[in-house]
Amino acid sequence: MNQESIRRYIASEFDGVDVDIGSKEAGAPEIAWGDTFFIYDPQRNLEGSRRFPFATIVIKDYGDFDNKSNLNRPDVFRLNIGVSKETYRSLFPGEAEHDFTALDVLMPHPVYGPNHWVSVLNPSETTFENLKPLLTEAYQIAVRRFESRATSRE
């Protein structure tokens, strides 16, 4: 799978998703230029901290903060997905060591794993098929959060 195939799948499969590719023109911080953020925003009117992604594609290391995947290698990207605590614990029940540079392996996100984010570097088509239920769950979580915020504002 490549980044564009993943973007197309998410954009076509999940209603109300804004596929935001970080750029100078869009006002993204320079470190995020080229990264992709999948945000549930059905009216395309969320601003600031309300624009929280349920999945991302990251194409480079973020300095000393997030560099364990060594994303600065040619043609390497990381798909990140925010799942439920239950799903995360079922996938990673114990404290195991992970090679965060390994390609095509589902693993905890090297920084946001404690927040129930999972990641895969350069997922193959087979691995991506296995990720589809996780993407669906992440999307459903985002929809519930959006609806909960909308209800609390009324």
N, C-alpha and C. Protein backbone atom coordinates (compact mmCIF):
# COMPACT_ATOMS: atom_id res chain seq x y z
N MET A 1 0.85 -1.19 0.00
CA MET A 1 0.00 0.00 0.00
C MET A 1 0.88 1.24 0.00
N ASN A 2 0.39 2.25 -0.65
CA ASN A 2 1.09 3.53 -0.59
C ASN A 2 0.19 4.55 0.11
N GLN A 3 0.75 5.71 0.39
CA GLN A 3 0.00 6.73 1.12
C GLN A 3 -1.28 7.13 0.40
N GLU A 4 -1.19 7.32 -0.89
CA GLU A 4 -2.36 7.77 -1.64
C GLU A 4 -3.48 6.73 -1.61
N SER A 5 -3.14 5.46 -1.69
CA SER A 5 -4.16 4.40 -1.61
C SER A 5 -4.85 4.42 -0.25
N ILE A 6 -4.08 4.65 0.80
CA ILE A 6 -4.66 4.72 2.14
C ILE A 6 -5.57 5.94 2.25
N ARG A 7 -5.11 7.08 1.75
CA ARG A 7 -5.95 8.29 1.76
C ARG A 7 -7.27 8.05 1.03
N ARG A 8 -7.18 7.46 -0.16
CA ARG A 8 -8.39 7.21 -0.96
C ARG A 8 -9.35 6.29 -0.21
N TYR A 9 -8.81 5.23 0.39
CA TYR A 9 -9.67 4.29 1.11
C TYR A 9 -10.41 5.01 2.24
N ILE A 10 -9.69 5.73 3.08
CA ILE A 10 -10.31 6.38 4.23
C ILE A 10 -11.31 7.44 3.78
N ALA A 11 -10.96 8.22 2.78
CA ALA A 11 -11.86 9.28 2.28
C ALA A 11 -13.14 8.69 1.69
N SER A 12 -13.05 7.55 1.03
CA SER A 12 -14.23 6.96 0.40
C SER A 12 -15.04 6.08 1.36
N GLU A 13 -14.39 5.51 2.34
CA GLU A 13 -15.07 4.56 3.24
C GLU A 13 -15.82 5.25 4.38
N PHE A 14 -15.32 6.39 4.84
CA PHE A 14 -15.86 7.01 6.04
C PHE A 14 -16.42 8.39 5.73
N ASP A 15 -17.72 8.55 5.92
CA ASP A 15 -18.39 9.82 5.65
C ASP A 15 -17.91 10.91 6.61
N GLY A 16 -17.85 12.13 6.11
CA GLY A 16 -17.56 13.29 6.95
C GLY A 16 -16.11 13.47 7.32
N VAL A 17 -15.22 12.75 6.65
CA VAL A 17 -13.80 12.83 7.00
C VAL A 17 -13.10 13.89 6.15
N ASP A 18 -12.37 14.75 6.82
CA ASP A 18 -11.53 15.73 6.17
C ASP A 18 -10.12 15.14 6.11
N VAL A 19 -9.59 15.00 4.92
CA VAL A 19 -8.23 14.51 4.73
C VAL A 19 -7.35 15.74 4.58
N ASP A 20 -6.59 16.02 5.61
CA ASP A 20 -5.81 17.26 5.69
C ASP A 20 -4.32 16.92 5.56
N ILE A 21 -3.71 17.35 4.47
CA ILE A 21 -2.28 17.17 4.28
C ILE A 21 -1.60 18.46 4.72
N GLY A 22 -0.79 18.36 5.75
CA GLY A 22 -0.15 19.54 6.31
C GLY A 22 0.67 20.29 5.28
N SER A 23 0.48 21.60 5.24
CA SER A 23 1.23 22.44 4.30
C SER A 23 1.37 23.85 4.85
N LYS A 24 2.29 24.58 4.29
CA LYS A 24 2.47 25.98 4.66
C LYS A 24 1.20 26.76 4.34
N GLU A 25 0.62 26.49 3.16
CA GLU A 25 -0.57 27.20 2.72
C GLU A 25 -1.76 26.96 3.67
N ALA A 26 -1.81 25.78 4.25
CA ALA A 26 -2.90 25.45 5.17
C ALA A 26 -2.63 25.95 6.58
N GLY A 27 -1.45 26.52 6.80
CA GLY A 27 -1.13 27.05 8.12
C GLY A 27 -0.58 26.03 9.09
N ALA A 28 -0.19 24.86 8.60
CA ALA A 28 0.35 23.82 9.48
C ALA A 28 1.77 24.20 9.91
N PRO A 29 2.17 23.76 11.10
CA PRO A 29 3.56 23.98 11.49
C PRO A 29 4.49 23.25 10.50
N GLU A 30 5.65 23.78 10.29
CA GLU A 30 6.56 23.21 9.28
C GLU A 30 6.82 21.73 9.51
N ILE A 31 6.94 21.30 10.75
CA ILE A 31 7.22 19.89 11.04
C ILE A 31 6.12 18.98 10.48
N ALA A 32 4.91 19.48 10.34
CA ALA A 32 3.79 18.65 9.87
C ALA A 32 3.58 18.71 8.36
N TRP A 33 4.37 19.49 7.65
CA TRP A 33 4.20 19.57 6.20
C TRP A 33 4.40 18.20 5.57
N GLY A 34 3.45 17.78 4.78
CA GLY A 34 3.50 16.49 4.11
C GLY A 34 2.84 15.36 4.86
N ASP A 35 2.60 15.53 6.15
CA ASP A 35 1.89 14.51 6.93
C ASP A 35 0.39 14.62 6.67
N THR A 36 -0.31 13.52 6.83
CA THR A 36 -1.75 13.47 6.56
C THR A 36 -2.51 13.24 7.86
N PHE A 37 -3.59 14.00 8.03
CA PHE A 37 -4.42 13.92 9.22
C PHE A 37 -5.85 13.62 8.79
N PHE A 38 -6.43 12.56 9.34
CA PHE A 38 -7.80 12.16 9.03
C PHE A 38 -8.68 12.60 10.20
N ILE A 39 -9.54 13.57 9.92
CA ILE A 39 -10.32 14.22 10.97
C ILE A 39 -11.80 14.11 10.64
N TYR A 40 -12.59 13.66 11.61
CA TYR A 40 -14.04 13.66 11.40
C TYR A 40 -14.53 15.09 11.59
N ASP A 41 -14.98 15.68 10.50
CA ASP A 41 -15.43 17.07 10.49
C ASP A 41 -16.47 17.21 9.37
N PRO A 42 -17.69 16.71 9.61
CA PRO A 42 -18.68 16.62 8.52
C PRO A 42 -19.06 17.96 7.89
N GLN A 43 -19.01 19.05 8.65
CA GLN A 43 -19.34 20.36 8.08
C GLN A 43 -18.10 21.15 7.67
N ARG A 44 -16.92 20.56 7.89
CA ARG A 44 -15.65 21.23 7.59
C ARG A 44 -15.56 22.59 8.27
N ASN A 45 -15.98 22.61 9.55
CA ASN A 45 -15.96 23.88 10.27
C ASN A 45 -15.28 23.81 11.64
N LEU A 46 -14.65 22.69 11.95
CA LEU A 46 -13.94 22.60 13.22
C LEU A 46 -12.66 23.41 13.16
N GLU A 47 -12.30 23.99 14.29
CA GLU A 47 -11.09 24.80 14.35
C GLU A 47 -10.20 24.35 15.50
N GLY A 48 -8.93 24.62 15.35
CA GLY A 48 -7.97 24.44 16.44
C GLY A 48 -7.97 23.06 17.05
N SER A 49 -8.05 23.01 18.37
CA SER A 49 -7.95 21.75 19.10
C SER A 49 -9.12 20.82 18.85
N ARG A 50 -10.19 21.31 18.26
CA ARG A 50 -11.32 20.45 17.93
C ARG A 50 -11.02 19.58 16.70
N ARG A 51 -9.97 19.91 15.97
CA ARG A 51 -9.57 19.15 14.78
C ARG A 51 -8.58 18.07 15.20
N PHE A 52 -9.07 17.08 15.90
CA PHE A 52 -8.20 16.01 16.40
C PHE A 52 -8.34 14.80 15.49
N PRO A 53 -7.23 14.30 14.93
CA PRO A 53 -7.32 13.18 14.00
C PRO A 53 -7.61 11.85 14.69
N PHE A 54 -8.26 10.95 13.94
CA PHE A 54 -8.43 9.58 14.43
C PHE A 54 -7.39 8.66 13.80
N ALA A 55 -6.73 9.14 12.76
CA ALA A 55 -5.63 8.42 12.12
C ALA A 55 -4.73 9.44 11.44
N THR A 56 -3.47 9.07 11.27
CA THR A 56 -2.52 9.96 10.59
C THR A 56 -1.56 9.13 9.75
N ILE A 57 -0.95 9.78 8.79
CA ILE A 57 0.20 9.23 8.07
C ILE A 57 1.33 10.22 8.28
N VAL A 58 2.42 9.74 8.85
CA VAL A 58 3.57 10.59 9.14
C VAL A 58 4.73 10.14 8.26
N ILE A 59 5.43 11.11 7.67
CA ILE A 59 6.46 10.78 6.69
C ILE A 59 7.88 11.09 7.14
N LYS A 60 8.02 11.60 8.36
CA LYS A 60 9.36 11.98 8.82
C LYS A 60 9.41 11.95 10.34
N ASP A 61 10.63 11.88 10.86
CA ASP A 61 10.81 11.98 12.30
C ASP A 61 10.48 13.39 12.77
N TYR A 62 10.02 13.48 14.01
CA TYR A 62 9.72 14.77 14.63
C TYR A 62 10.82 15.08 15.64
N GLY A 63 12.01 15.33 15.14
CA GLY A 63 13.14 15.68 16.00
C GLY A 63 13.38 14.63 17.08
N ASP A 64 13.72 15.09 18.27
CA ASP A 64 13.96 14.18 19.39
C ASP A 64 12.67 13.67 20.00
N PHE A 65 11.55 14.28 19.65
CA PHE A 65 10.27 13.92 20.25
C PHE A 65 9.76 12.57 19.73
N ASP A 66 9.82 12.35 18.43
CA ASP A 66 9.29 11.13 17.83
C ASP A 66 10.22 10.71 16.70
N ASN A 67 11.22 9.90 17.06
CA ASN A 67 12.21 9.49 16.06
C ASN A 67 12.53 8.00 16.11
N LYS A 68 11.82 7.24 16.93
CA LYS A 68 12.14 5.82 17.09
C LYS A 68 11.82 4.97 15.87
N SER A 69 10.98 5.49 14.97
CA SER A 69 10.64 4.74 13.76
C SER A 69 11.63 4.97 12.62
N ASN A 70 12.53 5.92 12.79
CA ASN A 70 13.49 6.27 11.75
C ASN A 70 12.77 6.50 10.42
N LEU A 71 11.81 7.42 10.45
CA LEU A 71 11.01 7.71 9.26
C LEU A 71 11.77 8.51 8.22
N ASN A 72 12.95 8.97 8.52
CA ASN A 72 13.72 9.73 7.55
C ASN A 72 14.38 8.84 6.49
N ARG A 73 14.11 7.54 6.54
CA ARG A 73 14.59 6.64 5.48
C ARG A 73 13.79 6.88 4.21
N PRO A 74 14.37 6.62 3.06
CA PRO A 74 13.64 6.83 1.80
C PRO A 74 12.36 5.99 1.73
N ASP A 75 11.27 6.64 1.35
CA ASP A 75 9.99 5.97 1.07
C ASP A 75 9.36 5.27 2.27
N VAL A 76 9.73 5.66 3.48
CA VAL A 76 9.13 5.06 4.67
C VAL A 76 8.12 6.03 5.26
N PHE A 77 6.94 5.50 5.59
CA PHE A 77 5.91 6.30 6.25
C PHE A 77 5.27 5.43 7.34
N ARG A 78 4.57 6.09 8.25
CA ARG A 78 3.93 5.36 9.35
C ARG A 78 2.45 5.73 9.38
N LEU A 79 1.61 4.71 9.32
CA LEU A 79 0.17 4.88 9.51
C LEU A 79 -0.11 4.72 10.99
N ASN A 80 -0.76 5.71 11.60
CA ASN A 80 -1.09 5.70 13.02
C ASN A 80 -2.60 5.71 13.18
N ILE A 81 -3.10 4.91 14.13
CA ILE A 81 -4.55 4.78 14.32
C ILE A 81 -4.85 4.81 15.82
N GLY A 82 -5.80 5.65 16.22
CA GLY A 82 -6.22 5.73 17.62
C GLY A 82 -7.36 4.77 17.88
N VAL A 83 -7.14 3.78 18.72
CA VAL A 83 -8.15 2.76 19.01
C VAL A 83 -8.61 2.85 20.47
N SER A 84 -9.57 2.04 20.82
CA SER A 84 -10.06 2.02 22.20
C SER A 84 -9.03 1.35 23.12
N LYS A 85 -9.16 1.63 24.39
CA LYS A 85 -8.30 1.00 25.39
C LYS A 85 -8.42 -0.52 25.33
N GLU A 86 -9.65 -1.00 25.17
CA GLU A 86 -9.89 -2.44 25.13
C GLU A 86 -9.19 -3.08 23.93
N THR A 87 -9.34 -2.46 22.78
CA THR A 87 -8.70 -3.00 21.58
C THR A 87 -7.19 -2.96 21.73
N TYR A 88 -6.68 -1.85 22.20
CA TYR A 88 -5.23 -1.72 22.38
C TYR A 88 -4.71 -2.82 23.30
N ARG A 89 -5.38 -3.03 24.42
CA ARG A 89 -4.93 -4.05 25.37
C ARG A 89 -5.05 -5.46 24.80
N SER A 90 -6.04 -5.68 23.94
CA SER A 90 -6.16 -7.01 23.33
C SER A 90 -5.04 -7.25 22.32
N LEU A 91 -4.58 -6.19 21.68
CA LEU A 91 -3.49 -6.32 20.71
C LEU A 91 -2.13 -6.41 21.39
N PHE A 92 -1.98 -5.70 22.50
CA PHE A 92 -0.69 -5.62 23.20
C PHE A 92 -0.94 -5.83 24.70
N PRO A 93 -1.17 -7.09 25.11
CA PRO A 93 -1.55 -7.34 26.50
C PRO A 93 -0.43 -7.15 27.52
N GLY A 94 0.80 -7.17 27.09
CA GLY A 94 1.90 -7.03 28.05
C GLY A 94 2.89 -5.99 27.60
N GLU A 95 3.88 -5.82 28.42
CA GLU A 95 4.95 -4.87 28.11
C GLU A 95 6.04 -5.61 27.34
N ALA A 96 5.99 -5.56 26.04
CA ALA A 96 6.98 -6.23 25.20
C ALA A 96 7.86 -5.19 24.53
N GLU A 97 9.02 -5.61 24.13
CA GLU A 97 9.91 -4.76 23.35
C GLU A 97 9.44 -4.76 21.90
N HIS A 98 9.56 -3.64 21.24
CA HIS A 98 9.16 -3.53 19.84
C HIS A 98 10.27 -2.87 19.05
N ASP A 99 10.46 -3.37 17.83
CA ASP A 99 11.38 -2.73 16.90
C ASP A 99 10.56 -1.72 16.11
N PHE A 100 10.58 -0.48 16.54
CA PHE A 100 9.75 0.56 15.93
C PHE A 100 10.19 0.93 14.52
N THR A 101 11.29 0.34 14.05
CA THR A 101 11.75 0.58 12.68
C THR A 101 11.29 -0.51 11.72
N ALA A 102 10.67 -1.57 12.23
CA ALA A 102 10.27 -2.70 11.38
C ALA A 102 9.12 -2.30 10.46
N LEU A 103 9.22 -2.72 9.21
CA LEU A 103 8.18 -2.44 8.23
C LEU A 103 7.09 -3.50 8.30
N ASP A 104 5.86 -3.07 8.04
CA ASP A 104 4.72 -3.97 7.89
C ASP A 104 4.42 -4.81 9.14
N VAL A 105 4.60 -4.20 10.31
CA VAL A 105 4.34 -4.88 11.58
C VAL A 105 3.47 -3.97 12.44
N LEU A 106 2.33 -4.49 12.90
CA LEU A 106 1.48 -3.72 13.81
C LEU A 106 2.16 -3.65 15.17
N MET A 107 2.25 -2.44 15.70
CA MET A 107 2.91 -2.24 17.00
C MET A 107 2.31 -1.01 17.68
N PRO A 108 2.59 -0.84 18.96
CA PRO A 108 2.16 0.40 19.61
C PRO A 108 2.86 1.59 18.96
N HIS A 109 2.20 2.72 18.96
CA HIS A 109 2.86 3.94 18.49
C HIS A 109 4.02 4.21 19.44
N PRO A 110 5.20 4.57 18.93
CA PRO A 110 6.36 4.73 19.81
C PRO A 110 6.24 5.84 20.84
N VAL A 111 5.38 6.82 20.60
CA VAL A 111 5.18 7.90 21.57
C VAL A 111 3.78 7.83 22.18
N TYR A 112 2.77 7.64 21.35
CA TYR A 112 1.38 7.72 21.79
C TYR A 112 0.75 6.35 22.09
N GLY A 113 1.55 5.31 22.17
CA GLY A 113 1.04 4.01 22.57
C GLY A 113 0.27 4.07 23.88
N PRO A 114 0.78 4.76 24.90
CA PRO A 114 0.03 4.84 26.16
C PRO A 114 -1.35 5.50 26.02
N ASN A 115 -1.55 6.22 24.92
CA ASN A 115 -2.86 6.83 24.64
C ASN A 115 -3.68 5.97 23.68
N HIS A 116 -3.26 4.72 23.52
CA HIS A 116 -3.98 3.72 22.73
C HIS A 116 -3.90 3.96 21.23
N TRP A 117 -2.75 4.41 20.78
CA TRP A 117 -2.49 4.56 19.35
C TRP A 117 -1.61 3.41 18.90
N VAL A 118 -1.94 2.85 17.74
CA VAL A 118 -1.16 1.78 17.13
C VAL A 118 -0.56 2.32 15.83
N SER A 119 0.45 1.63 15.33
CA SER A 119 1.08 2.10 14.10
C SER A 119 1.65 0.95 13.30
N VAL A 120 1.81 1.22 12.00
CA VAL A 120 2.45 0.29 11.07
C VAL A 120 3.26 1.12 10.08
N LEU A 121 4.50 0.74 9.89
CA LEU A 121 5.32 1.37 8.87
C LEU A 121 5.11 0.64 7.55
N ASN A 122 4.75 1.37 6.51
CA ASN A 122 4.57 0.83 5.17
C ASN A 122 3.75 -0.47 5.16
N PRO A 123 2.48 -0.39 5.56
CA PRO A 123 1.67 -1.62 5.58
C PRO A 123 1.50 -2.21 4.18
N SER A 124 1.61 -3.53 4.10
CA SER A 124 1.32 -4.24 2.85
C SER A 124 -0.19 -4.27 2.66
N GLU A 125 -0.64 -4.72 1.50
CA GLU A 125 -2.08 -4.82 1.27
C GLU A 125 -2.72 -5.79 2.26
N THR A 126 -2.05 -6.89 2.55
CA THR A 126 -2.58 -7.87 3.51
C THR A 126 -2.70 -7.25 4.90
N THR A 127 -1.66 -6.57 5.33
CA THR A 127 -1.71 -5.93 6.65
C THR A 127 -2.78 -4.85 6.67
N PHE A 128 -2.89 -4.08 5.59
CA PHE A 128 -3.90 -3.03 5.56
C PHE A 128 -5.30 -3.62 5.68
N GLU A 129 -5.55 -4.75 5.06
CA GLU A 129 -6.85 -5.42 5.22
C GLU A 129 -7.13 -5.69 6.70
N ASN A 130 -6.10 -6.12 7.43
CA ASN A 130 -6.26 -6.38 8.86
C ASN A 130 -6.43 -5.11 9.67
N LEU A 131 -5.99 -3.98 9.13
CA LEU A 131 -6.13 -2.70 9.82
C LEU A 131 -7.50 -2.06 9.62
N LYS A 132 -8.24 -2.50 8.63
CA LYS A 132 -9.53 -1.87 8.33
C LYS A 132 -10.48 -1.86 9.53
N PRO A 133 -10.61 -2.96 10.30
CA PRO A 133 -11.47 -2.89 11.49
C PRO A 133 -10.96 -1.87 12.52
N LEU A 134 -9.66 -1.69 12.62
CA LEU A 134 -9.11 -0.70 13.55
C LEU A 134 -9.42 0.71 13.07
N LEU A 135 -9.34 0.93 11.77
CA LEU A 135 -9.72 2.24 11.22
C LEU A 135 -11.20 2.52 11.44
N THR A 136 -12.02 1.48 11.27
CA THR A 136 -13.46 1.65 11.51
C THR A 136 -13.71 2.02 12.96
N GLU A 137 -13.05 1.33 13.88
CA GLU A 137 -13.22 1.65 15.29
C GLU A 137 -12.75 3.07 15.59
N ALA A 138 -11.61 3.47 15.06
CA ALA A 138 -11.09 4.82 15.30
C ALA A 138 -12.07 5.86 14.77
N TYR A 139 -12.62 5.61 13.61
CA TYR A 139 -13.61 6.52 13.02
C TYR A 139 -14.84 6.61 13.92
N GLN A 140 -15.33 5.47 14.39
CA GLN A 140 -16.52 5.46 15.24
C GLN A 140 -16.27 6.21 16.55
N ILE A 141 -15.09 6.08 17.10
CA ILE A 141 -14.73 6.84 18.31
C ILE A 141 -14.77 8.34 18.00
N ALA A 142 -14.22 8.73 16.86
CA ALA A 142 -14.21 10.15 16.48
C ALA A 142 -15.62 10.69 16.29
N VAL A 143 -16.49 9.89 15.67
CA VAL A 143 -17.88 10.31 15.47
C VAL A 143 -18.57 10.50 16.82
N ARG A 144 -18.38 9.54 17.73
CA ARG A 144 -19.00 9.66 19.06
C ARG A 144 -18.51 10.91 19.80
N ARG A 145 -17.22 11.17 19.73
CA ARG A 145 -16.67 12.37 20.39
C ARG A 145 -17.27 13.64 19.78
N PHE A 146 -17.36 13.67 18.47
CA PHE A 146 -17.93 14.83 17.78
C PHE A 146 -19.37 15.04 18.22
N GLU A 147 -20.16 13.96 18.21
CA GLU A 147 -21.57 14.07 18.58
C GLU A 147 -21.73 14.45 20.04
N SER A 148 -20.86 13.93 20.90
CA SER A 148 -20.92 14.28 22.32
C SER A 148 -20.63 15.76 22.53
N ARG A 149 -19.64 16.30 21.82
CA ARG A 149 -19.33 17.73 21.92
C ARG A 149 -20.47 18.57 21.38
N ALA A 150 -21.07 18.13 20.29
CA ALA A 150 -22.18 18.89 19.69
C ALA A 150 -23.37 18.92 20.64
N THR A 151 -23.65 17.80 21.30
CA THR A 151 -24.76 17.73 22.26
C THR A 151 -24.48 18.61 23.47
N SER A 152 -23.24 18.61 23.94
CA SER A 152 -22.92 19.41 25.14
C SER A 152 -22.97 20.91 24.85
N ARG A 153 -22.84 21.32 23.58
CA ARG A 153 -22.91 22.74 23.23
C ARG A 153 -24.35 23.22 23.11
N GLU A 154 -25.28 22.29 22.97
CA GLU A 154 -26.69 22.69 22.80
C GLU A 154 -27.33 23.10 24.10
